[in-house]
N, C-alpha and C. Protein backbone atom coordinates (compact mmCIF):
# COMPACT_ATOMS: atom_id res chain seq x y z
N MET A 1 -114.92 29.94 -20.03
CA MET A 1 -113.72 29.02 -19.57
C MET A 1 -112.88 28.72 -21.02
N ARG A 2 -113.67 28.47 -21.81
CA ARG A 2 -113.11 28.19 -23.09
C ARG A 2 -112.39 29.28 -23.88
N SER A 3 -112.96 30.38 -23.66
CA SER A 3 -112.20 31.70 -24.17
C SER A 3 -111.01 31.94 -23.48
N MET A 4 -111.02 31.67 -22.25
CA MET A 4 -109.80 31.98 -21.39
C MET A 4 -108.58 31.18 -21.65
N LEU A 5 -108.91 29.79 -21.84
CA LEU A 5 -107.86 28.83 -22.42
C LEU A 5 -107.38 29.31 -23.84
N SER A 6 -108.34 29.73 -24.83
CA SER A 6 -107.72 30.19 -25.98
C SER A 6 -106.97 31.23 -25.81
N LEU A 7 -107.19 32.30 -25.12
CA LEU A 7 -106.32 33.36 -24.88
C LEU A 7 -105.15 32.89 -24.13
N ILE A 8 -105.05 32.21 -23.24
CA ILE A 8 -103.61 31.61 -22.78
C ILE A 8 -102.94 30.95 -23.78
N ILE A 9 -103.67 30.20 -24.64
CA ILE A 9 -102.83 29.44 -25.72
C ILE A 9 -102.21 30.49 -26.74
N VAL A 10 -102.93 31.38 -27.09
CA VAL A 10 -102.52 32.43 -28.02
C VAL A 10 -101.35 33.16 -27.37
N GLY A 11 -101.39 33.38 -26.04
CA GLY A 11 -100.45 34.19 -25.62
C GLY A 11 -99.12 33.30 -25.59
N ILE A 12 -99.26 32.03 -25.30
CA ILE A 12 -98.10 31.25 -25.14
C ILE A 12 -97.36 31.13 -26.51
N ILE A 13 -98.21 30.91 -27.53
CA ILE A 13 -97.68 30.94 -28.94
C ILE A 13 -97.08 32.34 -29.20
N LEU A 14 -97.95 33.39 -28.99
CA LEU A 14 -96.98 34.63 -29.41
C LEU A 14 -95.62 34.93 -28.47
N SER A 15 -95.58 34.49 -27.40
CA SER A 15 -94.60 34.55 -26.48
C SER A 15 -93.39 33.87 -27.06
N ALA A 16 -93.77 32.30 -27.63
CA ALA A 16 -92.67 31.56 -28.16
C ALA A 16 -92.18 32.12 -29.28
N ALA A 17 -93.24 32.79 -30.20
CA ALA A 17 -92.60 33.29 -31.56
C ALA A 17 -91.79 34.32 -31.22
N ASN A 18 -92.11 35.13 -30.25
CA ASN A 18 -91.23 36.60 -29.88
C ASN A 18 -89.66 35.91 -29.48
N LEU A 19 -89.84 34.75 -28.71
CA LEU A 19 -88.53 34.40 -28.27
C LEU A 19 -87.68 33.97 -29.50
N PHE A 20 -88.25 33.10 -30.21
CA PHE A 20 -87.48 32.68 -31.52
C PHE A 20 -87.14 33.72 -32.22
N ALA A 21 -87.84 34.92 -32.59
CA ALA A 21 -87.55 36.01 -33.32
C ALA A 21 -86.13 36.61 -32.47
N GLN A 22 -86.26 36.81 -31.31
CA GLN A 22 -85.19 37.40 -30.49
C GLN A 22 -83.95 36.52 -30.73
N SER A 23 -84.11 35.40 -30.69
CA SER A 23 -82.82 34.49 -30.66
C SER A 23 -82.12 34.58 -31.96
N ASP A 24 -82.94 34.72 -33.28
CA ASP A 24 -82.24 34.87 -34.47
C ASP A 24 -81.74 36.43 -34.58
N TYR A 25 -82.38 37.17 -33.97
CA TYR A 25 -81.94 38.51 -34.02
C TYR A 25 -80.52 38.66 -33.09
N SER A 26 -80.49 37.81 -32.14
CA SER A 26 -79.38 37.96 -31.26
C SER A 26 -78.28 37.42 -31.95
N SER A 27 -78.47 36.27 -32.57
CA SER A 27 -77.48 35.54 -33.32
C SER A 27 -76.79 36.47 -34.52
N GLU A 28 -77.58 37.08 -35.16
CA GLU A 28 -77.09 37.96 -36.23
C GLU A 28 -76.42 39.12 -35.49
N LEU A 29 -77.21 39.71 -34.64
CA LEU A 29 -76.33 40.86 -33.84
C LEU A 29 -74.97 40.46 -33.36
N LYS A 30 -75.12 39.40 -32.63
CA LYS A 30 -73.91 38.92 -32.05
C LYS A 30 -72.65 38.81 -32.98
N MET A 31 -73.04 38.18 -34.12
CA MET A 31 -71.93 38.23 -35.21
C MET A 31 -71.45 39.61 -35.63
N ASN A 32 -72.39 40.47 -35.76
CA ASN A 32 -72.07 41.76 -36.30
C ASN A 32 -71.14 42.57 -35.21
N ILE A 33 -71.59 42.15 -33.84
CA ILE A 33 -70.87 42.85 -32.73
C ILE A 33 -69.41 42.34 -32.55
N ASN A 34 -69.33 40.89 -33.07
CA ASN A 34 -67.91 40.49 -32.93
C ASN A 34 -67.04 41.03 -33.98
N LYS A 35 -67.51 41.26 -35.33
CA LYS A 35 -66.86 41.98 -36.26
C LYS A 35 -66.45 43.37 -35.66
N ILE A 36 -67.36 44.09 -35.02
CA ILE A 36 -67.03 45.53 -34.55
C ILE A 36 -65.89 45.42 -33.44
N THR A 37 -66.08 44.59 -32.61
CA THR A 37 -65.22 44.42 -31.48
C THR A 37 -63.88 43.99 -31.84
N ASP A 38 -63.65 43.36 -32.98
CA ASP A 38 -62.46 42.79 -33.34
C ASP A 38 -61.81 44.19 -34.12
N THR A 39 -62.48 45.00 -34.81
CA THR A 39 -62.03 46.33 -35.27
C THR A 39 -61.45 47.16 -34.03
N TYR A 40 -62.50 47.40 -33.05
CA TYR A 40 -62.13 47.90 -31.95
C TYR A 40 -60.85 47.58 -31.15
N SER A 41 -60.61 46.32 -31.14
CA SER A 41 -59.35 45.71 -30.40
C SER A 41 -58.17 46.15 -31.11
N LYS A 42 -58.28 46.03 -32.56
CA LYS A 42 -57.03 46.39 -33.59
C LYS A 42 -56.80 47.77 -33.27
N ALA A 43 -57.84 48.78 -33.21
CA ALA A 43 -57.64 50.22 -32.91
C ALA A 43 -56.94 50.50 -31.41
N MET A 44 -57.33 49.76 -30.48
CA MET A 44 -56.77 49.91 -29.07
C MET A 44 -55.46 49.38 -29.22
N LEU A 45 -55.13 48.41 -29.85
CA LEU A 45 -53.54 47.97 -29.81
C LEU A 45 -52.72 49.02 -30.72
N SER A 46 -53.35 49.70 -31.67
CA SER A 46 -52.33 50.57 -32.48
C SER A 46 -52.57 51.90 -31.98
N GLY A 47 -53.56 52.20 -30.96
CA GLY A 47 -53.57 53.71 -30.42
C GLY A 47 -54.40 54.51 -31.39
N ASP A 48 -55.10 53.91 -32.30
CA ASP A 48 -55.90 54.58 -33.32
C ASP A 48 -57.03 55.35 -32.50
N TYR A 49 -57.00 56.27 -31.82
CA TYR A 49 -58.30 57.03 -30.93
C TYR A 49 -59.12 57.65 -31.89
N ASN A 50 -59.03 57.96 -33.20
CA ASN A 50 -60.13 58.41 -34.01
C ASN A 50 -60.99 57.30 -34.38
N THR A 51 -60.34 56.03 -34.60
CA THR A 51 -61.26 54.99 -35.04
C THR A 51 -61.98 54.70 -33.88
N ILE A 52 -61.45 54.39 -32.65
CA ILE A 52 -62.19 54.15 -31.62
C ILE A 52 -63.28 55.07 -31.23
N ALA A 53 -63.13 56.44 -31.24
CA ALA A 53 -64.06 57.46 -31.19
C ALA A 53 -65.27 57.30 -32.25
N GLY A 54 -65.00 56.72 -33.26
CA GLY A 54 -66.10 56.29 -34.38
C GLY A 54 -66.94 55.53 -33.92
N PHE A 55 -66.82 54.65 -33.00
CA PHE A 55 -67.59 53.59 -32.58
C PHE A 55 -68.77 54.36 -31.68
N PHE A 56 -68.70 55.45 -31.24
CA PHE A 56 -69.60 55.89 -30.38
C PHE A 56 -70.43 56.90 -30.93
N ALA A 57 -71.85 56.94 -30.40
CA ALA A 57 -72.58 58.05 -31.07
C ALA A 57 -72.37 59.37 -30.45
N ASP A 58 -72.69 60.27 -31.07
CA ASP A 58 -72.26 61.79 -30.83
C ASP A 58 -72.67 61.99 -29.42
N ASP A 59 -73.66 61.64 -28.76
CA ASP A 59 -74.32 61.81 -27.60
C ASP A 59 -73.91 60.65 -26.56
N ALA A 60 -73.08 59.84 -26.75
CA ALA A 60 -72.65 58.78 -26.03
C ALA A 60 -72.22 58.87 -24.70
N ILE A 61 -72.49 58.10 -23.55
CA ILE A 61 -72.10 58.18 -22.17
C ILE A 61 -71.12 57.15 -22.11
N TYR A 62 -69.81 57.42 -21.57
CA TYR A 62 -68.85 56.51 -21.33
C TYR A 62 -68.58 56.38 -19.58
N LEU A 63 -68.79 55.53 -19.12
CA LEU A 63 -68.77 55.25 -17.67
C LEU A 63 -67.40 54.33 -17.29
N PRO A 64 -66.25 54.75 -17.31
CA PRO A 64 -64.99 53.90 -17.18
C PRO A 64 -64.66 53.84 -15.86
N ALA A 65 -64.16 52.78 -15.32
CA ALA A 65 -63.81 52.47 -13.97
C ALA A 65 -62.77 53.29 -13.63
N TYR A 66 -62.77 53.81 -12.32
CA TYR A 66 -61.62 54.71 -11.69
C TYR A 66 -61.62 56.13 -12.26
N ASN A 67 -62.44 56.46 -13.18
CA ASN A 67 -62.73 57.89 -13.76
C ASN A 67 -63.94 58.36 -13.67
N PRO A 68 -64.07 59.68 -14.03
CA PRO A 68 -65.37 60.37 -14.06
C PRO A 68 -66.07 60.00 -15.37
N THR A 69 -67.34 60.06 -15.50
CA THR A 69 -68.20 59.70 -16.63
C THR A 69 -67.82 60.76 -17.51
N LEU A 70 -67.80 60.45 -18.91
CA LEU A 70 -67.58 61.12 -19.91
C LEU A 70 -68.86 61.36 -20.82
N HIS A 71 -69.52 62.52 -21.27
CA HIS A 71 -70.39 62.69 -22.07
C HIS A 71 -70.15 63.19 -23.53
N GLY A 72 -70.50 62.47 -24.46
CA GLY A 72 -70.27 62.90 -25.87
C GLY A 72 -69.02 62.25 -26.58
N LYS A 73 -69.16 62.19 -27.76
CA LYS A 73 -68.04 61.45 -28.57
C LYS A 73 -66.78 62.47 -28.49
N ASP A 74 -66.79 63.67 -28.64
CA ASP A 74 -65.94 64.49 -28.44
C ASP A 74 -64.96 64.26 -27.07
N ALA A 75 -65.80 64.06 -26.04
CA ALA A 75 -65.02 63.88 -24.70
C ALA A 75 -64.48 62.64 -24.65
N ILE A 76 -65.03 61.60 -25.15
CA ILE A 76 -64.35 60.11 -25.20
C ILE A 76 -63.16 60.28 -26.11
N LEU A 77 -63.14 60.89 -27.43
CA LEU A 77 -61.97 61.07 -28.23
C LEU A 77 -60.76 61.70 -27.66
N GLU A 78 -61.05 62.84 -26.75
CA GLU A 78 -60.13 63.53 -26.03
C GLU A 78 -59.56 62.72 -24.94
N SER A 79 -60.45 61.82 -24.33
CA SER A 79 -59.74 60.98 -23.29
C SER A 79 -58.84 59.96 -23.86
N ASN A 80 -59.31 59.31 -24.89
CA ASN A 80 -58.58 58.40 -25.43
C ASN A 80 -57.28 58.93 -26.15
N LYS A 81 -57.23 60.17 -26.67
CA LYS A 81 -56.16 60.74 -27.35
C LYS A 81 -55.07 61.06 -26.12
N LYS A 82 -55.52 61.32 -24.99
CA LYS A 82 -54.69 61.86 -23.79
C LYS A 82 -53.90 60.53 -23.33
N ASP A 83 -54.67 59.49 -23.29
CA ASP A 83 -53.92 58.13 -22.95
C ASP A 83 -53.08 57.73 -23.84
N VAL A 84 -53.08 58.07 -25.12
CA VAL A 84 -52.31 57.46 -26.14
C VAL A 84 -50.98 58.58 -26.09
N GLU A 85 -51.36 59.70 -26.07
CA GLU A 85 -50.32 60.71 -26.08
C GLU A 85 -49.37 60.74 -24.68
N SER A 86 -49.92 60.28 -23.73
CA SER A 86 -49.05 60.14 -22.42
C SER A 86 -48.09 58.99 -22.49
N GLY A 87 -48.41 57.75 -23.45
CA GLY A 87 -47.50 56.88 -23.39
C GLY A 87 -48.19 55.42 -22.99
N MET A 88 -49.26 55.50 -22.68
CA MET A 88 -50.27 54.36 -22.30
C MET A 88 -50.16 53.58 -23.61
N LYS A 89 -49.74 52.21 -23.53
CA LYS A 89 -49.76 51.34 -24.64
C LYS A 89 -50.26 49.78 -24.22
N TYR A 90 -51.07 49.38 -25.24
CA TYR A 90 -51.66 47.92 -25.02
C TYR A 90 -50.79 47.08 -25.91
N SER A 91 -50.41 45.96 -25.26
CA SER A 91 -50.05 44.87 -25.82
C SER A 91 -50.93 43.81 -26.16
N THR A 92 -51.84 43.56 -25.34
CA THR A 92 -53.08 42.77 -25.54
C THR A 92 -54.29 43.51 -25.30
N PHE A 93 -55.41 43.25 -25.96
CA PHE A 93 -56.62 43.88 -25.95
C PHE A 93 -57.71 42.85 -26.55
N LYS A 94 -58.27 42.04 -25.54
CA LYS A 94 -59.13 41.17 -25.94
C LYS A 94 -60.60 41.42 -25.61
N ILE A 95 -61.51 41.28 -26.29
CA ILE A 95 -62.94 41.32 -25.94
C ILE A 95 -63.69 40.08 -26.32
N ASN A 96 -64.58 39.58 -25.45
CA ASN A 96 -65.34 38.39 -25.56
C ASN A 96 -66.83 38.81 -25.36
N SER A 97 -67.53 39.08 -26.38
CA SER A 97 -69.04 39.27 -26.24
C SER A 97 -69.79 38.05 -25.85
N THR A 98 -70.26 38.02 -24.71
CA THR A 98 -70.98 36.77 -24.24
C THR A 98 -72.39 36.74 -24.49
N ASP A 99 -73.01 37.86 -24.41
CA ASP A 99 -74.39 37.80 -24.57
C ASP A 99 -74.88 39.19 -25.23
N ALA A 100 -75.79 39.11 -26.36
CA ALA A 100 -76.44 40.29 -26.98
C ALA A 100 -78.08 40.06 -27.13
N PHE A 101 -78.68 41.10 -26.74
CA PHE A 101 -80.22 41.06 -26.88
C PHE A 101 -80.57 42.36 -27.05
N GLY A 102 -81.83 42.69 -27.60
CA GLY A 102 -82.48 43.62 -27.72
C GLY A 102 -83.75 43.79 -28.42
N SER A 103 -84.16 44.82 -28.70
CA SER A 103 -85.55 45.14 -29.25
C SER A 103 -85.47 46.60 -29.98
N GLY A 104 -85.83 46.58 -31.27
CA GLY A 104 -85.72 47.96 -31.90
C GLY A 104 -84.58 48.45 -32.14
N ASP A 105 -84.20 49.58 -31.77
CA ASP A 105 -83.19 50.40 -31.97
C ASP A 105 -82.00 50.31 -30.91
N LEU A 106 -82.29 49.56 -29.91
CA LEU A 106 -81.39 49.46 -28.74
C LEU A 106 -80.88 47.84 -28.80
N VAL A 107 -79.66 47.62 -28.45
CA VAL A 107 -79.21 46.24 -28.13
C VAL A 107 -78.25 46.56 -27.06
N TYR A 108 -78.21 45.43 -26.22
CA TYR A 108 -77.52 45.26 -25.06
C TYR A 108 -76.54 44.30 -25.20
N GLU A 109 -75.28 44.35 -25.08
CA GLU A 109 -74.11 43.54 -25.19
C GLU A 109 -73.34 43.52 -23.82
N ILE A 110 -73.23 42.25 -23.28
CA ILE A 110 -72.39 42.00 -22.17
C ILE A 110 -71.28 41.07 -22.63
N GLY A 111 -70.03 41.48 -21.91
CA GLY A 111 -69.04 40.64 -22.28
C GLY A 111 -68.10 40.77 -21.27
N THR A 112 -66.56 40.16 -21.66
CA THR A 112 -65.56 40.24 -20.94
C THR A 112 -64.25 40.76 -21.51
N PHE A 113 -63.33 41.24 -20.88
CA PHE A 113 -62.29 41.77 -21.51
C PHE A 113 -60.81 41.05 -20.97
N GLU A 114 -59.65 41.36 -21.72
CA GLU A 114 -58.49 40.90 -20.90
C GLU A 114 -57.62 41.86 -21.76
N VAL A 115 -56.62 42.64 -20.90
CA VAL A 115 -55.81 43.36 -21.49
C VAL A 115 -54.33 43.50 -20.67
N ASN A 116 -53.32 43.79 -21.52
CA ASN A 116 -52.13 44.12 -21.04
C ASN A 116 -51.62 45.13 -21.62
N PHE A 117 -51.05 46.05 -20.54
CA PHE A 117 -50.51 47.42 -20.93
C PHE A 117 -49.50 47.79 -20.11
N THR A 118 -48.75 48.95 -20.55
CA THR A 118 -47.96 49.67 -19.65
C THR A 118 -48.27 51.12 -19.72
N VAL A 119 -48.01 51.90 -18.66
CA VAL A 119 -48.43 53.07 -18.29
C VAL A 119 -47.27 54.03 -18.36
N PRO A 120 -47.25 55.32 -18.66
CA PRO A 120 -46.08 56.20 -18.45
C PRO A 120 -45.20 55.98 -17.20
N ASN A 121 -44.01 56.03 -17.43
CA ASN A 121 -43.07 55.93 -16.13
C ASN A 121 -42.96 54.52 -15.54
N ASN A 122 -43.60 53.55 -16.15
CA ASN A 122 -43.47 51.97 -15.64
C ASN A 122 -43.18 51.27 -16.63
N THR A 123 -42.08 50.60 -16.71
CA THR A 123 -41.69 49.77 -17.72
C THR A 123 -42.41 48.23 -17.60
N THR A 124 -42.90 47.90 -16.65
CA THR A 124 -43.48 46.55 -16.48
C THR A 124 -45.08 46.60 -16.95
N ALA A 125 -45.27 45.64 -17.87
CA ALA A 125 -46.61 45.69 -18.27
C ALA A 125 -47.67 45.20 -16.94
N MET A 126 -48.75 45.54 -17.08
CA MET A 126 -49.74 45.24 -16.08
C MET A 126 -50.91 44.39 -16.91
N ASN A 127 -51.44 43.51 -16.13
CA ASN A 127 -52.78 42.67 -16.72
C ASN A 127 -53.72 43.11 -16.04
N ASP A 128 -54.85 42.83 -16.68
CA ASP A 128 -56.31 43.20 -16.24
C ASP A 128 -57.31 42.43 -16.84
N HIS A 129 -58.33 42.15 -16.08
CA HIS A 129 -59.34 41.62 -16.86
C HIS A 129 -60.74 41.71 -16.06
N GLY A 130 -61.83 41.75 -16.77
CA GLY A 130 -63.01 42.04 -16.03
C GLY A 130 -64.34 41.74 -16.97
N LYS A 131 -65.22 42.74 -16.84
CA LYS A 131 -66.76 42.55 -17.71
C LYS A 131 -66.93 44.02 -18.09
N TYR A 132 -67.84 44.01 -19.03
CA TYR A 132 -68.44 45.26 -19.49
C TYR A 132 -70.03 45.19 -19.95
N LEU A 133 -70.42 46.10 -20.02
CA LEU A 133 -71.77 46.19 -20.52
C LEU A 133 -72.01 47.37 -21.66
N ASN A 134 -72.29 47.10 -22.85
CA ASN A 134 -72.52 48.18 -23.91
C ASN A 134 -74.06 48.24 -24.19
N ILE A 135 -74.39 49.62 -24.36
CA ILE A 135 -75.85 49.72 -25.20
C ILE A 135 -75.51 50.24 -26.48
N TRP A 136 -75.83 49.54 -27.37
CA TRP A 136 -75.95 49.96 -28.90
C TRP A 136 -77.26 50.63 -29.35
N GLN A 137 -77.05 51.58 -30.21
CA GLN A 137 -78.26 52.28 -30.76
C GLN A 137 -78.10 52.31 -32.26
N ARG A 138 -79.22 51.83 -32.91
CA ARG A 138 -79.25 51.90 -34.19
C ARG A 138 -79.31 53.55 -34.79
N GLN A 139 -78.65 54.00 -35.69
CA GLN A 139 -78.53 55.32 -36.00
C GLN A 139 -79.48 55.52 -37.34
N GLY A 140 -79.72 56.49 -37.73
CA GLY A 140 -80.69 57.02 -38.72
C GLY A 140 -80.29 56.22 -40.08
N ASN A 141 -78.88 56.22 -40.28
CA ASN A 141 -78.45 55.47 -41.33
C ASN A 141 -78.34 53.93 -41.18
N GLY A 142 -78.76 53.44 -40.28
CA GLY A 142 -78.83 51.89 -40.16
C GLY A 142 -77.68 51.32 -39.31
N SER A 143 -76.68 52.19 -39.39
CA SER A 143 -75.35 51.75 -38.42
C SER A 143 -75.76 51.59 -37.10
N TRP A 144 -74.66 51.02 -36.27
CA TRP A 144 -75.00 50.83 -34.86
C TRP A 144 -73.88 51.48 -34.23
N LYS A 145 -74.22 52.27 -33.24
CA LYS A 145 -73.16 53.16 -32.43
C LYS A 145 -73.28 52.84 -30.92
N LEU A 146 -72.21 52.87 -30.30
CA LEU A 146 -72.36 52.74 -28.85
C LEU A 146 -73.03 54.10 -28.03
N LYS A 147 -74.11 53.93 -27.57
CA LYS A 147 -74.81 54.73 -26.79
C LYS A 147 -74.15 55.05 -25.43
N VAL A 148 -74.03 53.74 -24.88
CA VAL A 148 -73.42 53.79 -23.40
C VAL A 148 -72.51 52.65 -23.06
N GLU A 149 -71.32 52.87 -22.58
CA GLU A 149 -70.41 52.03 -22.38
C GLU A 149 -69.95 51.87 -21.05
N THR A 150 -69.92 50.84 -20.23
CA THR A 150 -69.22 50.82 -18.91
C THR A 150 -68.66 49.46 -18.63
N TRP A 151 -67.63 49.71 -18.02
CA TRP A 151 -66.53 48.36 -17.57
C TRP A 151 -66.18 48.35 -16.30
N ASN A 152 -65.77 47.29 -15.89
CA ASN A 152 -64.97 47.48 -14.50
C ASN A 152 -64.12 46.04 -14.47
N SER A 153 -63.05 46.16 -13.70
CA SER A 153 -62.19 45.18 -13.48
C SER A 153 -62.47 43.99 -12.42
N ASP A 154 -62.02 43.04 -12.71
CA ASP A 154 -62.03 42.05 -11.73
C ASP A 154 -60.97 41.82 -10.88
N VAL A 155 -59.78 42.65 -11.11
CA VAL A 155 -58.73 42.82 -10.49
C VAL A 155 -58.71 43.92 -9.53
N ASN A 156 -58.11 43.61 -8.23
CA ASN A 156 -58.04 44.76 -7.23
C ASN A 156 -56.95 45.65 -7.94
N PRO A 157 -57.14 46.97 -7.83
CA PRO A 157 -56.18 48.20 -8.47
C PRO A 157 -54.97 47.83 -7.76
N MET A 158 -54.96 47.69 -6.36
CA MET A 158 -53.69 47.61 -5.81
C MET A 158 -52.86 46.65 -5.99
N SER A 159 -53.32 45.44 -6.60
CA SER A 159 -52.56 44.64 -6.99
C SER A 159 -52.02 44.65 -8.44
N MET A 160 -52.53 45.49 -9.23
CA MET A 160 -52.30 45.59 -10.69
C MET A 160 -50.64 45.98 -10.90
N ASN A 161 -49.96 46.78 -9.98
CA ASN A 161 -48.65 46.88 -10.02
C ASN A 161 -47.93 45.65 -9.45
N GLN A 162 -47.88 44.67 -10.35
CA GLN A 162 -47.47 43.29 -9.69
C GLN A 162 -45.91 43.50 -8.98
N ALA A 163 -45.85 42.62 -8.33
CA ALA A 163 -44.48 42.61 -7.34
C ALA A 163 -43.39 42.69 -8.35
N GLY A 164 -42.40 43.36 -8.07
CA GLY A 164 -41.05 43.55 -8.83
C GLY A 164 -41.31 44.68 -9.94
N ALA A 165 -42.40 45.30 -10.01
CA ALA A 165 -42.55 46.32 -11.14
C ALA A 165 -41.62 47.55 -10.91
N LYS A 166 -41.02 47.86 -11.88
CA LYS A 166 -40.03 49.03 -11.73
C LYS A 166 -40.35 50.17 -12.49
N SER A 167 -40.37 51.38 -11.96
CA SER A 167 -40.44 52.44 -12.62
C SER A 167 -39.33 52.85 -13.48
N LYS A 168 -39.56 53.71 -14.62
CA LYS A 168 -38.09 54.09 -15.45
C LYS A 168 -37.16 54.80 -14.48
N GLU A 169 -37.57 55.49 -13.52
CA GLU A 169 -36.61 55.84 -12.53
C GLU A 169 -35.62 54.97 -11.90
N ASP A 170 -36.69 54.04 -11.36
CA ASP A 170 -35.81 52.89 -10.65
C ASP A 170 -34.66 52.10 -11.57
N GLU A 171 -35.07 51.83 -12.97
CA GLU A 171 -34.09 51.19 -13.69
C GLU A 171 -32.95 52.27 -14.28
N SER A 172 -33.11 53.57 -13.92
CA SER A 172 -31.98 54.17 -14.25
C SER A 172 -30.89 54.18 -13.32
N LYS A 173 -31.25 53.78 -11.98
CA LYS A 173 -30.16 53.94 -10.85
C LYS A 173 -29.38 52.88 -10.86
């Protein structure tokens, strides 16, 4: 009985130590993620698709809402490049990392986003907000890259083209 109680106490102590270690790890990691997401947001606002692609691991998986899955940094780069070259422009791109936790070489980040953007052939800006999940992987050189990114909107896509929005064609009439 006494050895069973000792095992339980040792288990509780080890669990608490692990919890505190993860808490410190999360605080430092969240601070680093906030720095990264600030740079990411600035790159999205400026249309710098090369910087954006640099955040992804070579074998990253990108699961965007309303689009097929993209495999690999090159595919993600091409997708972002097409968006920029098509005329899509962000005027607001805010990321709020709300949770970060992990172990070893993987970190899971959860957060929210808020964007304002225009798309080709539409002069009215659209607003969107939602949530995301990122999985970061530590690389051999110690840097962190996105291994998996997925996001989805809290806004019904049918309501995004808000009442009164005019296409460029409508405005020329």
